[in-house]
Structures are given as structure tokens and as C-alpha cells.
PDB file of N, CA and C in Angstrom:
ATOM      1  N   MET A   1    -157.594  15.830-145.181  1.00  0.00           N
ATOM      2  CA  MET A   1    -157.230  17.208-145.560  1.00  0.00           C
ATOM      3  C   MET A   1    -158.192  17.819-145.614  1.00  0.00           C
ATOM      4  N   THR A   2    -159.601  17.529-145.701  1.00  0.00           N
ATOM      5  CA  THR A   2    -160.716  18.543-145.524  1.00  0.00           C
ATOM      6  C   THR A   2    -160.766  19.119-143.933  1.00  0.00           C
ATOM      7  N   ALA A   3    -160.777  17.943-142.997  1.00  0.00           N
ATOM      8  CA  ALA A   3    -160.542  18.569-141.847  1.00  0.00           C
ATOM      9  C   ALA A   3    -159.595  20.205-141.778  1.00  0.00           C
ATOM     10  N   THR A   4    -158.549  20.027-142.408  1.00  0.00           N
ATOM     11  CA  THR A   4    -157.572  21.342-142.224  1.00  0.00           C
ATOM     12  C   THR A   4    -157.849  22.419-143.057  1.00  0.00           C
ATOM     13  N   HIS A   5    -158.730  22.282-144.327  1.00  0.00           N
ATOM     14  CA  HIS A   5    -159.558  23.608-144.742  1.00  0.00           C
ATOM     15  C   HIS A   5    -160.314  23.987-144.037  1.00  0.00           C
ATOM     16  N   SER A   6    -161.085  23.142-143.358  1.00  0.00           N
ATOM     17  CA  SER A   6    -162.392  23.936-142.720  1.00  0.00           C
ATOM     18  C   SER A   6    -161.778  24.444-141.532  1.00  0.00           C
ATOM     19  N   ALA A   7    -160.788  24.223-140.701  1.00  0.00           N
ATOM     20  CA  ALA A   7    -160.237  24.566-139.654  1.00  0.00           C
ATOM     21  C   ALA A   7    -159.988  26.138-140.315  1.00  0.00           C
ATOM     22  N   GLN A   8    -159.221  25.969-141.063  1.00  0.00           N
ATOM     23  CA  GLN A   8    -158.438  27.512-141.561  1.00  0.00           C
ATOM     24  C   GLN A   8    -159.713  28.476-142.024  1.00  0.00           C
ATOM     25  N   SER A   9    -160.979  28.018-142.388  1.00  0.00           N
ATOM     26  CA  SER A   9    -162.203  29.060-142.737  1.00  0.00           C
ATOM     27  C   SER A   9    -162.771  29.130-141.565  1.00  0.00           C
ATOM     28  N   ALA A  10    -162.544  28.522-140.371  1.00  0.00           N
ATOM     29  CA  ALA A  10    -163.373  28.936-139.211  1.00  0.00           C
ATOM     30  C   ALA A  10    -162.364  29.967-138.327  1.00  0.00           C
ATOM     31  N   VAL A  11    -161.143  30.000-138.749  1.00  0.00           N
ATOM     32  CA  VAL A  11    -160.718  30.700-137.850  1.00  0.00           C
ATOM     33  C   VAL A  11    -160.496  32.299-138.296  1.00  0.00           C
ATOM     34  N   SER A  12    -161.013  32.193-139.501  1.00  0.00           N
ATOM     35  CA  SER A  12    -160.577  33.696-140.125  1.00  0.00           C
ATOM     36  C   SER A  12    -161.638  34.845-139.495  1.00  0.00           C
ATOM     37  N   PRO A  13    -160.915  35.891-139.481  1.00  0.00           N
ATOM     38  CA  PRO A  13    -161.534  36.997-138.404  1.00  0.00           C
ATOM     39  C   PRO A  13    -162.948  37.586-139.826  1.00  0.00           C
ATOM     40  N   THR A  14    -163.917  37.850-138.967  1.00  0.00           N
ATOM     41  CA  THR A  14    -164.699  39.246-139.550  1.00  0.00           C
ATOM     42  C   THR A  14    -164.468  40.275-139.014  1.00  0.00           C
ATOM     43  N   ARG A  15    -164.690  40.954-140.190  1.00  0.00           N
ATOM     44  CA  ARG A  15    -164.427  42.722-139.739  1.00  0.00           C
ATOM     45  C   ARG A  15    -165.563  43.381-140.110  1.00  0.00           C
ATOM     46  N   ARG A  16    -166.047  44.314-139.499  1.00  0.00           N
ATOM     47  CA  ARG A  16    -167.362  44.865-139.698  1.00  0.00           C
ATOM     48  C   ARG A  16    -166.758  46.301-140.625  1.00  0.00           C
ATOM     49  N   ARG A  17    -167.230  46.642-141.813  1.00  0.00           N
ATOM     50  CA  ARG A  17    -166.544  47.399-142.632  1.00  0.00           C
ATOM     51  C   ARG A  17    -167.564  48.630-142.348  1.00  0.00           C
ATOM     52  N   LEU A  18    -167.277  49.831-141.892  1.00  0.00           N
ATOM     53  CA  LEU A  18    -167.921  51.087-142.412  1.00  0.00           C
ATOM     54  C   LEU A  18    -167.735  51.634-143.917  1.00  0.00           C
ATOM     55  N   GLY A  19    -166.540  51.770-144.198  1.00  0.00           N
ATOM     56  CA  GLY A  19    -166.534  52.242-145.984  1.00  0.00           C
ATOM     57  C   GLY A  19    -165.954  53.549-145.468  1.00  0.00           C
ATOM     58  N   PRO A  20    -166.918  54.356-146.872  1.00  0.00           N
ATOM     59  CA  PRO A  20    -166.571  55.739-146.653  1.00  0.00           C
ATOM     60  C   PRO A  20    -167.423  56.427-145.711  1.00  0.00           C
ATOM     61  N   LEU A  21    -168.089  56.085-144.873  1.00  0.00           N
ATOM     62  CA  LEU A  21    -168.860  56.514-143.735  1.00  0.00           C
ATOM     63  C   LEU A  21    -167.480  56.724-142.597  1.00  0.00           C
ATOM     64  N   ALA A  22    -166.907  56.008-142.322  1.00  0.00           N
ATOM     65  CA  ALA A  22    -165.806  56.192-141.220  1.00  0.00           C
ATOM     66  C   ALA A  22    -164.904  57.141-141.528  1.00  0.00           C
ATOM     67  N   ASP A  23    -164.333  56.995-143.179  1.00  0.00           N
ATOM     68  CA  ASP A  23    -163.609  58.202-143.269  1.00  0.00           C
ATOM     69  C   ASP A  23    -164.321  59.851-143.499  1.00  0.00           C
ATOM     70  N   GLY A  24    -165.286  59.635-143.772  1.00  0.00           N
ATOM     71  CA  GLY A  24    -166.156  61.304-143.387  1.00  0.00           C
ATOM     72  C   GLY A  24    -166.159  61.508-142.103  1.00  0.00           C
ATOM     73  N   ILE A  25    -166.466  60.371-141.536  1.00  0.00           N
ATOM     74  CA  ILE A  25    -166.535  60.976-139.635  1.00  0.00           C
ATOM     75  C   ILE A  25    -165.166  61.402-139.364  1.00  0.00           C
ATOM     76  N   VAL A  26    -164.108  60.575-139.521  1.00  0.00           N
ATOM     77  CA  VAL A  26    -162.539  61.170-139.501  1.00  0.00           C
ATOM     78  C   VAL A  26    -162.335  62.526-140.375  1.00  0.00           C
ATOM     79  N   LEU A  27    -162.797  62.885-141.046  1.00  0.00           N
ATOM     80  CA  LEU A  27    -162.558  63.938-141.924  1.00  0.00           C
ATOM     81  C   LEU A  27    -163.435  65.296-141.195  1.00  0.00           C
ATOM     82  N   VAL A  28    -164.648  64.935-140.826  1.00  0.00           N
ATOM     83  CA  VAL A  28    -165.444  66.032-140.288  1.00  0.00           C
ATOM     84  C   VAL A  28    -164.608  66.299-138.944  1.00  0.00           C
ATOM     85  N   VAL A  29    -164.190  64.875-137.678  1.00  0.00           N
ATOM     86  CA  VAL A  29    -163.557  65.462-136.536  1.00  0.00           C
ATOM     87  C   VAL A  29    -162.710  66.076-136.889  1.00  0.00           C
ATOM     88  N   GLY A  30    -161.498  65.787-137.827  1.00  0.00           N
ATOM     89  CA  GLY A  30    -160.147  66.216-137.759  1.00  0.00           C
ATOM     90  C   GLY A  30    -160.061  67.563-138.412  1.00  0.00           C
ATOM     91  N   VAL A  31    -160.976  67.710-139.079  1.00  0.00           N
ATOM     92  CA  VAL A  31    -160.921  69.044-140.126  1.00  0.00           C
ATOM     93  C   VAL A  31    -161.827  70.205-138.900  1.00  0.00           C
ATOM     94  N   LEU A  32    -162.429  69.876-138.521  1.00  0.00           N
ATOM     95  CA  LEU A  32    -163.570  70.712-138.169  1.00  0.00           C
ATOM     96  C   LEU A  32    -163.563  70.851-136.461  1.00  0.00           C
ATOM     97  N   VAL A  33    -164.332  69.329-135.637  1.00  0.00           N
ATOM     98  CA  VAL A  33    -164.351  69.394-134.437  1.00  0.00           C
ATOM     99  C   VAL A  33    -163.083  69.521-133.530  1.00  0.00           C
ATOM    100  N   VAL A  34    -162.331  69.107-133.563  1.00  0.00           N
ATOM    101  CA  VAL A  34    -160.621  69.196-133.202  1.00  0.00           C
ATOM    102  C   VAL A  34    -159.864  70.627-132.994  1.00  0.00           C
ATOM    103  N   PRO A  35    -160.056  71.148-134.436  1.00  0.00           N
ATOM    104  CA  PRO A  35    -159.554  72.544-134.143  1.00  0.00           C
ATOM    105  C   PRO A  35    -160.574  73.455-133.579  1.00  0.00           C
ATOM    106  N   LEU A  36    -161.743  73.343-133.709  1.00  0.00           N
ATOM    107  CA  LEU A  36    -162.800  74.127-132.843  1.00  0.00           C
ATOM    108  C   LEU A  36    -162.349  73.876-131.164  1.00  0.00           C
ATOM    109  N   ALA A  37    -162.369  72.783-131.092  1.00  0.00           N
ATOM    110  CA  ALA A  37    -162.148  72.530-129.613  1.00  0.00           C
ATOM    111  C   ALA A  37    -160.874  73.136-128.871  1.00  0.00           C
ATOM    112  N   ILE A  38    -159.482  73.236-129.984  1.00  0.00           N
ATOM    113  CA  ILE A  38    -158.440  73.569-129.616  1.00  0.00           C
ATOM    114  C   ILE A  38    -158.709  75.169-129.697  1.00  0.00           C
ATOM    115  N   ALA A  39    -159.374  75.391-130.569  1.00  0.00           N
ATOM    116  CA  ALA A  39    -159.739  76.883-130.441  1.00  0.00           C
ATOM    117  C   ALA A  39    -160.237  77.331-129.052  1.00  0.00           C
ATOM    118  N   ALA A  40    -161.328  76.743-128.976  1.00  0.00           N
ATOM    119  CA  ALA A  40    -162.060  76.986-127.626  1.00  0.00           C
ATOM    120  C   ALA A  40    -161.495  76.892-126.504  1.00  0.00           C
ATOM    121  N   VAL A  41    -160.318  76.286-126.132  1.00  0.00           N
ATOM    122  CA  VAL A  41    -159.687  75.755-125.052  1.00  0.00           C
ATOM    123  C   VAL A  41    -158.649  76.647-125.078  1.00  0.00           C
ATOM    124  N   PHE A  42    -157.923  77.081-125.932  1.00  0.00           N
ATOM    125  CA  PHE A  42    -156.376  77.699-125.455  1.00  0.00           C
ATOM    126  C   PHE A  42    -156.644  79.151-126.274  1.00  0.00           C
ATOM    127  N   GLY A  43    -157.574  79.295-127.321  1.00  0.00           N
ATOM    128  CA  GLY A  43    -157.622  80.895-127.670  1.00  0.00           C
ATOM    129  C   GLY A  43    -158.529  81.694-127.205  1.00  0.00           C
ATOM    130  N   VAL A  44    -159.123  81.352-125.608  1.00  0.00           N
ATOM    131  CA  VAL A  44    -159.943  82.591-125.212  1.00  0.00           C
ATOM    132  C   VAL A  44    -158.914  83.190-124.066  1.00  0.00           C
ATOM    133  N   SER A  45    -159.143  84.389-124.153  1.00  0.00           N
ATOM    134  CA  SER A  45    -158.430  85.338-123.207  1.00  0.00           C
ATOM    135  C   SER A  45    -159.467  85.632-122.304  1.00  0.00           C
ATOM    136  N   PRO A  46    -159.539  85.134-120.722  1.00  0.00           N
ATOM    137  CA  PRO A  46    -160.226  86.199-119.861  1.00  0.00           C
ATOM    138  C   PRO A  46    -160.036  87.338-119.593  1.00  0.00           C
ATOM    139  N   THR A  47    -158.872  87.853-119.889  1.00  0.00           N
ATOM    140  CA  THR A  47    -158.798  89.394-119.460  1.00  0.00           C
ATOM    141  C   THR A  47    -158.351  89.973-120.897  1.00  0.00           C
ATOM    142  N   ALA A  48    -158.193  91.395-120.899  1.00  0.00           N
ATOM    143  CA  ALA A  48    -158.100  91.779-122.087  1.00  0.00           C
ATOM    144  C   ALA A  48    -156.423  91.387-122.403  1.00  0.00           C
ATOM    145  N   PRO A  49    -156.334  91.241-124.197  1.00  0.00           N
ATOM    146  CA  PRO A  49    -155.450  90.249-124.374  1.00  0.00           C
ATOM    147  C   PRO A  49    -154.119  91.172-124.727  1.00  0.00           C
ATOM    148  N   ASP A  50    -152.787  90.850-124.067  1.00  0.00           N
ATOM    149  CA  ASP A  50    -152.027  91.357-124.126  1.00  0.00           C
ATOM    150  C   ASP A  50    -150.895  90.436-125.488  1.00  0.00           C
ATOM    151  N   ALA A  51    -149.818  90.728-125.326  1.00  0.00           N
ATOM    152  CA  ALA A  51    -149.021  90.094-126.472  1.00  0.00           C
ATOM    153  C   ALA A  51    -148.682  88.742-126.087  1.00  0.00           C
ATOM    154  N   ALA A  52    -148.869  88.369-125.104  1.00  0.00           N
ATOM    155  CA  ALA A  52    -148.504  86.714-124.734  1.00  0.00           C
ATOM    156  C   ALA A  52    -150.310  86.362-125.263  1.00  0.00           C
ATOM    157  N   ALA A  53    -150.871  86.835-125.200  1.00  0.00           N
ATOM    158  CA  ALA A  53    -152.217  85.890-125.653  1.00  0.00           C
ATOM    159  C   ALA A  53    -152.465  86.779-126.991  1.00  0.00           C
ATOM    160  N   TYR A  54    -152.331  87.390-127.590  1.00  0.00           N
ATOM    161  CA  TYR A  54    -151.994  87.108-129.177  1.00  0.00           C
ATOM    162  C   TYR A  54    -150.829  86.210-129.775  1.00  0.00           C
ATOM    163  N   VAL A  55    -150.095  85.833-129.252  1.00  0.00           N
ATOM    164  CA  VAL A  55    -149.442  84.945-129.367  1.00  0.00           C
ATOM    165  C   VAL A  55    -149.908  83.140-129.238  1.00  0.00           C
ATOM    166  N   ARG A  56    -150.624  83.421-128.170  1.00  0.00           N
ATOM    167  CA  ARG A  56    -151.344  82.033-127.802  1.00  0.00           C
ATOM    168  C   ARG A  56    -151.999  81.874-128.931  1.00  0.00           C
ATOM    169  N   MET A  57    -152.903  83.055-129.060  1.00  0.00           N
ATOM    170  CA  MET A  57    -154.038  82.827-130.033  1.00  0.00           C
ATOM    171  C   MET A  57    -153.412  82.364-131.662  1.00  0.00           C
ATOM    172  N   ALA A  58    -152.717  82.845-132.041  1.00  0.00           N
ATOM    173  CA  ALA A  58    -151.947  82.586-133.269  1.00  0.00           C
ATOM    174  C   ALA A  58    -151.375  81.084-133.197  1.00  0.00           C
ATOM    175  N   PHE A  59    -150.493  80.681-132.400  1.00  0.00           N
ATOM    176  CA  PHE A  59    -150.041  79.247-132.092  1.00  0.00           C
ATOM    177  C   PHE A  59    -151.495  78.488-132.112  1.00  0.00           C
ATOM    178  N   THR A  60    -152.229  78.579-131.474  1.00  0.00           N
ATOM    179  CA  THR A  60    -154.091  77.697-131.336  1.00  0.00           C
ATOM    180  C   THR A  60    -153.992  77.398-132.682  1.00  0.00           C
ATOM    181  N   GLU A  61    -154.153  78.551-133.569  1.00  0.00           N
ATOM    182  CA  GLU A  61    -154.757  78.763-135.168  1.00  0.00           C
ATOM    183  C   GLU A  61    -153.765  77.945-135.945  1.00  0.00           C
ATOM    184  N   VAL A  62    -152.612  77.826-136.021  1.00  0.00           N
ATOM    185  CA  VAL A  62    -151.402  77.325-136.622  1.00  0.00           C
ATOM    186  C   VAL A  62    -151.800  75.497-135.854  1.00  0.00           C
ATOM    187  N   ILE A  63    -152.005  75.510-134.866  1.00  0.00           N
ATOM    188  CA  ILE A  63    -152.219  73.838-134.312  1.00  0.00           C
ATOM    189  C   ILE A  63    -153.190  73.496-134.593  1.00  0.00           C
ATOM    190  N   GLY A  64    -154.421  74.366-134.676  1.00  0.00           N
ATOM    191  CA  GLY A  64    -155.548  73.816-135.360  1.00  0.00           C
ATOM    192  C   GLY A  64    -155.483  73.555-136.972  1.00  0.00           C
ATOM    193  N   SER A  65    -154.795  74.246-137.504  1.00  0.00           N
ATOM    194  CA  SER A  65    -154.606  74.210-138.948  1.00  0.00           C
ATOM    195  C   SER A  65    -154.052  72.736-139.426  1.00  0.00           C
ATOM    196  N   THR A  66    -152.830  72.685-138.444  1.00  0.00           N
ATOM    197  CA  THR A  66    -151.780  71.825-138.894  1.00  0.00           C
ATOM    198  C   THR A  66    -152.678  70.349-138.640  1.00  0.00           C
ATOM    199  N   VAL A  67    -153.364  70.382-137.466  1.00  0.00           N
ATOM    200  CA  VAL A  67    -154.189  68.969-137.310  1.00  0.00           C
ATOM    201  C   VAL A  67    -154.940  68.872-138.578  1.00  0.00           C
ATOM    202  N   ALA A  68    -155.912  69.786-139.243  1.00  0.00           N
ATOM    203  CA  ALA A  68    -156.494  69.826-140.036  1.00  0.00           C
ATOM    204  C   ALA A  68    -156.158  69.083-141.421  1.00  0.00           C
ATOM    205  N   ILE A  69    -154.939  69.529-141.960  1.00  0.00           N
ATOM    206  CA  ILE A  69    -153.983  69.323-142.791  1.00  0.00           C
ATOM    207  C   ILE A  69    -153.478  68.002-142.497  1.00  0.00           C
ATOM    208  N   MET A  70    -153.323  67.778-141.613  1.00  0.00           N
ATOM    209  CA  MET A  70    -152.783  66.149-141.278  1.00  0.00           C
ATOM    210  C   MET A  70    -153.623  65.036-141.337  1.00  0.00           C
ATOM    211  N   THR A  71    -154.857  65.283-141.000  1.00  0.00           N
ATOM    212  CA  THR A  71    -156.022  64.590-140.994  1.00  0.00           C
ATOM    213  C   THR A  71    -156.182  64.106-142.404  1.00  0.00           C
ATOM    214  N   ALA A  72    -156.270  65.492-143.477  1.00  0.00           N
ATOM    215  CA  ALA A  72    -156.768  65.237-144.790  1.00  0.00           C
ATOM    216  C   ALA A  72    -156.056  64.463-145.418  1.00  0.00           C
ATOM    217  N   LEU A  73    -154.517  64.686-145.281  1.00  0.00           N
ATOM    218  CA  LEU A  73    -153.542  64.174-145.932  1.00  0.00           C
ATOM    219  C   LEU A  73    -153.208  62.708-145.749  1.00  0.00           C
ATOM    220  N   GLY A  74    -153.604  62.373-144.444  1.00  0.00           N
ATOM    221  CA  GLY A  74    -153.427  60.977-143.283  1.00  0.00           C
ATOM    222  C   GLY A  74    -154.312  59.873-144.146  1.00  0.00           C
ATOM    223  N   LEU A  75    -155.940  60.925-144.443  1.00  0.00           N
ATOM    224  CA  LEU A  75    -156.952  59.860-145.018  1.00  0.00           C
ATOM    225  C   LEU A  75    -156.463  59.588-146.291  1.00  0.00           C
ATOM    226  N   LEU A  76    -155.697  60.828-147.382  1.00  0.00           N
ATOM    227  CA  LEU A  76    -155.312  60.282-148.350  1.00  0.00           C
ATOM    228  C   LEU A  76    -154.295  59.382-148.710  1.00  0.00           C
ATOM    229  N   VAL A  77    -153.530  59.354-147.922  1.00  0.00           N
ATOM    230  CA  VAL A  77    -152.382  58.249-147.764  1.00  0.00           C
ATOM    231  C   VAL A  77    -153.140  56.858-147.685  1.00  0.00           C
ATOM    232  N   HIS A  78    -154.060  56.758-146.531  1.00  0.00           N
ATOM    233  CA  HIS A  78    -154.640  55.754-145.740  1.00  0.00           C
ATOM    234  C   HIS A  78    -155.623  54.951-147.073  1.00  0.00           C
ATOM    235  N   ARG A  79    -156.124  55.893-147.887  1.00  0.00           N
ATOM    236  CA  ARG A  79    -157.079  55.214-149.177  1.00  0.00           C
ATOM    237  C   ARG A  79    -156.271  55.098-150.133  1.00  0.00           C
ATOM    238  N   CYS A  80    -155.025  55.462-150.659  1.00  0.00           N
ATOM    239  CA  CYS A  80    -153.939  54.908-151.406  1.00  0.00           C
ATOM    240  C   CYS A  80    -153.715  53.844-150.810  1.00  0.00           C
ATOM    241  N   VAL A  81    -152.879  53.738-149.760  1.00  0.00           N
ATOM    242  CA  VAL A  81    -152.357  52.473-149.114  1.00  0.00           C
ATOM    243  C   VAL A  81    -153.583  51.094-149.335  1.00  0.00           C
ATOM    244  N   ARG A  82    -154.415  51.519-148.736  1.00  0.00           N
ATOM    245  CA  ARG A  82    -156.080  50.394-148.904  1.00  0.00           C
ATOM    246  C   ARG A  82    -156.125  50.086-150.322  1.00  0.00           C
ATOM    247  N   ARG A  83    -155.766  50.754-151.014  1.00  0.00           N
ATOM    248  CA  ARG A  83    -155.728  50.392-152.758  1.00  0.00           C
ATOM    249  C   ARG A  83    -157.421  50.517-153.071  1.00  0.00           C
ATOM    250  N   ARG A  84    -158.281  51.856-152.774  1.00  0.00           N
ATOM    251  CA  ARG A  84    -159.176  52.388-153.000  1.00  0.00           C
ATOM    252  C   ARG A  84    -159.412  52.572-154.410  1.00  0.00           C
ATOM    253  N   SER A  85    -160.680  53.060-155.072  1.00  0.00           N
ATOM    254  CA  SER A  85    -160.954  52.978-156.200  1.00  0.00           C
ATOM    255  C   SER A  85    -160.314  54.138-156.386  1.00  0.00           C
ATOM    256  N   THR A  86    -159.810  54.555-158.222  1.00  0.00           N
ATOM    257  CA  THR A  86    -159.263  55.663-158.797  1.00  0.00           C
ATOM    258  C   THR A  86    -160.067  56.946-158.709  1.00  0.00           C
ATOM    259  N   PRO A  87    -161.589  56.891-158.448  1.00  0.00           N
ATOM    260  CA  PRO A  87    -162.717  58.338-158.441  1.00  0.00           C
ATOM    261  C   PRO A  87    -162.382  58.202-156.958  1.00  0.00           C
ATOM    262  N   SER A  88    -162.146  57.346-156.059  1.00  0.00           N
ATOM    263  CA  SER A  88    -162.654  57.687-154.444  1.00  0.00           C
ATOM    264  C   SER A  88    -161.267  58.435-154.164  1.00  0.00           C
ATOM    265  N   ILE A  89    -160.277  58.006-154.627  1.00  0.00           N
ATOM    266  CA  ILE A  89    -158.363  58.372-154.277  1.00  0.00           C
ATOM    267  C   ILE A  89    -158.718  60.019-154.807  1.00  0.00           C
ATOM    268  N   ALA A  90    -159.058  60.354-156.556  1.00  0.00           N
ATOM    269  CA  ALA A  90    -159.018  61.242-156.711  1.00  0.00           C
ATOM    270  C   ALA A  90    -160.100  62.627-156.311  1.00  0.00           C
ATOM    271  N   ARG A  91    -161.554  61.996-155.903  1.00  0.00           N
ATOM    272  CA  ARG A  91    -161.930  62.694-154.686  1.00  0.00           C
ATOM    273  C   ARG A  91    -161.855  63.314-153.597  1.00  0.00           C
ATOM    274  N   LEU A  92    -161.078  62.234-152.852  1.00  0.00           N
ATOM    275  CA  LEU A  92    -160.489  62.607-151.540  1.00  0.00           C
ATOM    276  C   LEU A  92    -159.019  63.698-151.731  1.00  0.00           C
ATOM    277  N   ALA A  93    -158.822  63.501-153.031  1.00  0.00           N
ATOM    278  CA  ALA A  93    -157.176  64.408-153.089  1.00  0.00           C
ATOM    279  C   ALA A  93    -157.616  65.732-153.585  1.00  0.00           C
ATOM    280  N   LEU A  94    -158.838  65.919-154.043  1.00  0.00           N
ATOM    281  CA  LEU A  94    -159.610  67.127-154.490  1.00  0.00           C
ATOM    282  C   LEU A  94    -159.747  67.590-153.114  1.00  0.00           C
ATOM    283  N   ILE A  95    -160.394  66.879-151.901  1.00  0.00           N
ATOM    284  CA  ILE A  95    -161.235  67.547-150.778  1.00  0.00           C
ATOM    285  C   ILE A  95    -159.750  67.914-149.739  1.00  0.00           C
ATOM    286  N   ALA A  96    -158.767  67.257-150.156  1.00  0.00           N
ATOM    287  CA  ALA A  96    -157.296  67.062-149.173  1.00  0.00           C
ATOM    288  C   ALA A  96    -156.649  68.575-149.742  1.00  0.00           C
ATOM    289  N   GLY A  97    -156.675  68.589-150.957  1.00  0.00           N
ATOM    290  CA  GLY A  97    -156.195  69.763-151.895  1.00  0.00           C
ATOM    291  C   GLY A  97    -156.663  71.163-151.184  1.00  0.00           C
ATOM    292  N   LEU A  98    -158.051  71.308-151.358  1.00  0.00           N
ATOM    293  CA  LEU A  98    -158.793  72.344-150.721  1.00  0.00           C
ATOM    294  C   LEU A  98    -158.680  72.806-149.315  1.00  0.00           C
ATOM    295  N   ILE A  99    -158.677  71.759-148.461  1.00  0.00           N
ATOM    296  CA  ILE A  99    -158.441  71.896-146.991  1.00  0.00           C
ATOM    297  C   ILE A  99    -156.878  72.719-146.761  1.00  0.00           C
ATOM    298  N   VAL A 100    -155.893  71.730-147.571  1.00  0.00           N
ATOM    299  CA  VAL A 100    -154.672  72.560-147.129  1.00  0.00           C
ATOM    300  C   VAL A 100    -154.355  73.791-147.974  1.00  0.00           C
ATOM    301  N   TRP A 101    -154.998  74.114-148.961  1.00  0.00           N
ATOM    302  CA  TRP A 101    -155.224  75.418-149.338  1.00  0.00           C
ATOM    303  C   TRP A 101    -156.128  76.362-148.222  1.00  0.00           C
ATOM    304  N   TRP A 102    -157.332  75.727-147.973  1.00  0.00           N
ATOM    305  CA  TRP A 102    -157.592  76.854-147.055  1.00  0.00           C
ATOM    306  C   TRP A 102    -156.906  76.946-145.773  1.00  0.00           C
ATOM    307  N   GLN A 103    -156.390  76.024-145.147  1.00  0.00           N
ATOM    308  CA  GLN A 103    -155.796  76.154-144.002  1.00  0.00           C
ATOM    309  C   GLN A 103    -154.170  76.723-143.961  1.00  0.00           C
ATOM    310  N   VAL A 104    -153.452  76.469-144.982  1.00  0.00           N
ATOM    311  CA  VAL A 104    -152.288  77.459-145.409  1.00  0.00           C
ATOM    312  C   VAL A 104    -152.700  78.906-145.358  1.00  0.00           C
ATOM    313  N   GLY A 105    -153.771  79.218-146.019  1.00  0.00           N
ATOM    314  CA  GLY A 105    -154.251  80.905-146.391  1.00  0.00           C
ATOM    315  C   GLY A 105    -154.339  80.965-144.521  1.00  0.00           C
ATOM    316  N   SER A 106    -155.125  79.891-143.948  1.00  0.00           N
ATOM    317  CA  SER A 106    -155.500  80.492-142.157  1.00  0.00           C
ATOM    318  C   SER A 106    -154.234  80.646-141.735  1.00  0.00           C
ATOM    319  N   ILE A 107    -153.271  80.049-141.969  1.00  0.00           N
ATOM    320  CA  ILE A 107    -152.135  79.959-141.201  1.00  0.00           C
ATOM    321  C   ILE A 107    -151.619  81.490-141.344  1.00  0.00           C
ATOM    322  N   VAL A 108    -151.353  81.643-142.904  1.00  0.00           N
ATOM    323  CA  VAL A 108    -150.952  83.102-143.516  1.00  0.00           C
ATOM    324  C   VAL A 108    -151.503  84.473-142.833  1.00  0.00           C
ATOM    325  N   THR A 109    -152.679  84.356-142.957  1.00  0.00           N
ATOM    326  CA  THR A 109    -153.718  85.075-142.358  1.00  0.00           C
ATOM    327  C   THR A 109    -153.534  85.312-140.713  1.00  0.00           C
ATOM    328  N   SER A 110    -153.300  84.833-140.264  1.00  0.00           N
ATOM    329  CA  SER A 110    -152.920  84.370-138.339  1.00  0.00           C
ATOM    330  C   SER A 110    -151.748  85.160-138.414  1.00  0.00           C
ATOM    331  N   ALA A 111    -150.550  84.614-138.941  1.00  0.00           N
ATOM    332  CA  ALA A 111    -149.299  85.352-139.101  1.00  0.00           C
ATOM    333  C   ALA A 111    -149.262  86.796-139.176  1.00  0.00           C
ATOM    334  N   SER A 112    -149.711  87.414-140.564  1.00  0.00           N
ATOM    335  CA  SER A 112    -150.235  88.762-140.559  1.00  0.00           C
ATOM    336  C   SER A 112    -151.212  89.332-139.480  1.00  0.00           C
ATOM    337  N   THR A 113    -151.998  88.557-138.773  1.00  0.00           N
ATOM    338  CA  THR A 113    -152.927  89.084-137.639  1.00  0.00           C
ATOM    339  C   THR A 113    -151.869  89.335-136.659  1.00  0.00           C
ATOM    340  N   LEU A 114    -151.385  88.583-136.178  1.00  0.00           N
ATOM    341  CA  LEU A 114    -150.294  88.661-135.244  1.00  0.00           C
ATOM    342  C   LEU A 114    -149.209  89.747-135.199  1.00  0.00           C
ATOM    343  N   VAL A 115    -148.525  89.742-136.440  1.00  0.00           N
ATOM    344  CA  VAL A 115    -147.814  90.796-136.554  1.00  0.00           C
ATOM    345  C   VAL A 115    -148.363  92.435-136.407  1.00  0.00           C
ATOM    346  N   ASP A 116    -149.305  92.429-136.812  1.00  0.00           N
ATOM    347  CA  ASP A 116    -150.631  93.511-136.863  1.00  0.00           C
ATOM    348  C   ASP A 116    -150.526  94.146-135.354  1.00  0.00           C
ATOM    349  N   ARG A 117    -151.132  93.027-134.508  1.00  0.00           N
ATOM    350  CA  ARG A 117    -151.478  93.093-133.222  1.00  0.00           C
ATOM    351  C   ARG A 117    -150.321  93.617-132.400  1.00  0.00           C
ATOM    352  N   LEU A 118    -149.240  92.604-132.931  1.00  0.00           N
ATOM    353  CA  LEU A 118    -147.873  92.974-131.645  1.00  0.00           C
ATOM    354  C   LEU A 118    -147.395  94.615-131.967  1.00  0.00           C
ATOM    355  N   GLY A 119    -147.395  94.982-133.008  1.00  0.00           N
ATOM    356  CA  GLY A 119    -147.144  96.146-133.754  1.00  0.00           C
ATOM    357  C   GLY A 119    -148.111  97.195-132.903  1.00  0.00           C
ATOM    358  N   SER A 120    -149.058  97.031-132.630  1.00  0.00           N
ATOM    359  CA  SER A 120    -150.311  98.343-131.878  1.00  0.00           C
ATOM    360  C   SER A 120    -149.909  97.867-130.560  1.00  0.00           C
ATOM    361  N   VAL A 121    -149.604  96.720-129.885  1.00  0.00           N
ATOM    362  CA  VAL A 121    -149.320  96.911-128.669  1.00  0.00           C
ATOM    363  C   VAL A 121    -148.021  97.359-128.120  1.00  0.00           C
ATOM    364  N   GLY A 122    -146.969  97.456-129.245  1.00  0.00           N
ATOM    365  CA  GLY A 122    -145.972  97.995-128.730  1.00  0.00           C
ATOM    366  C   GLY A 122    -144.964  97.821-128.686  1.00  0.00           C
TER     367      GLY A 122
END
């Protein structure tokens, strides 16, 4: 019976845990790096902006904001599923709430700017 017990402990995998550092990296990449990269690739117009360019820039802003919101909420759900400590979940919930509020405001501003610019184009 001792041999069976020692064989089971030898098989158990060891995992390297990064903890909050990995969550912070995912948050920074998902909220800052990816939306900025999307804006740099799709939001730039090589010619004078026309109606199509304004629509493309607005949709680029919406896509970047959606990625940021989904990253923050996804990390919050991940932390809840992993049953982390309550202060840790509360801290990330506050951060996620601020990110959602900021990005929804950005989407509203983008929509308002799109309407104004399309009105000026004709």
C-alpha cells in the first residue's frame, strides 16, 4: 500500500504560479497595448479622411474599447472562479468598474464624434 501512495505523489504535476503578476500583465496588455495596436493599424488614414475613414476610425475605437472591457471582466470572472481572497476580488472589481466606465464613455464620445464628422462631410 505504501508503493501506491508514493507513486501517486510522484505523478502530481508541479506548476509555476505567477499569481497577481500574471493578472497585471494580462490587464495591461488587454486594456492598453492591444487597443493601441488596433488603433495604430486600423485607425490611420493615409489620405484626407472621408466618410468611410471616419466610420472606420469610430469602429476601431469601439473594438478597442470592447477588448478592454472584456479583458477586465474576464479577469474578474477568472479571479472569482479561482476563489481568490475577497479583498483581491473587490480590488479587481473596482478596477474593472473603472475600466468599463471609462471605455463606455469612450464609445459614447466616439459615436458623438462620428455623427458630427459625418454631418460636416455632407
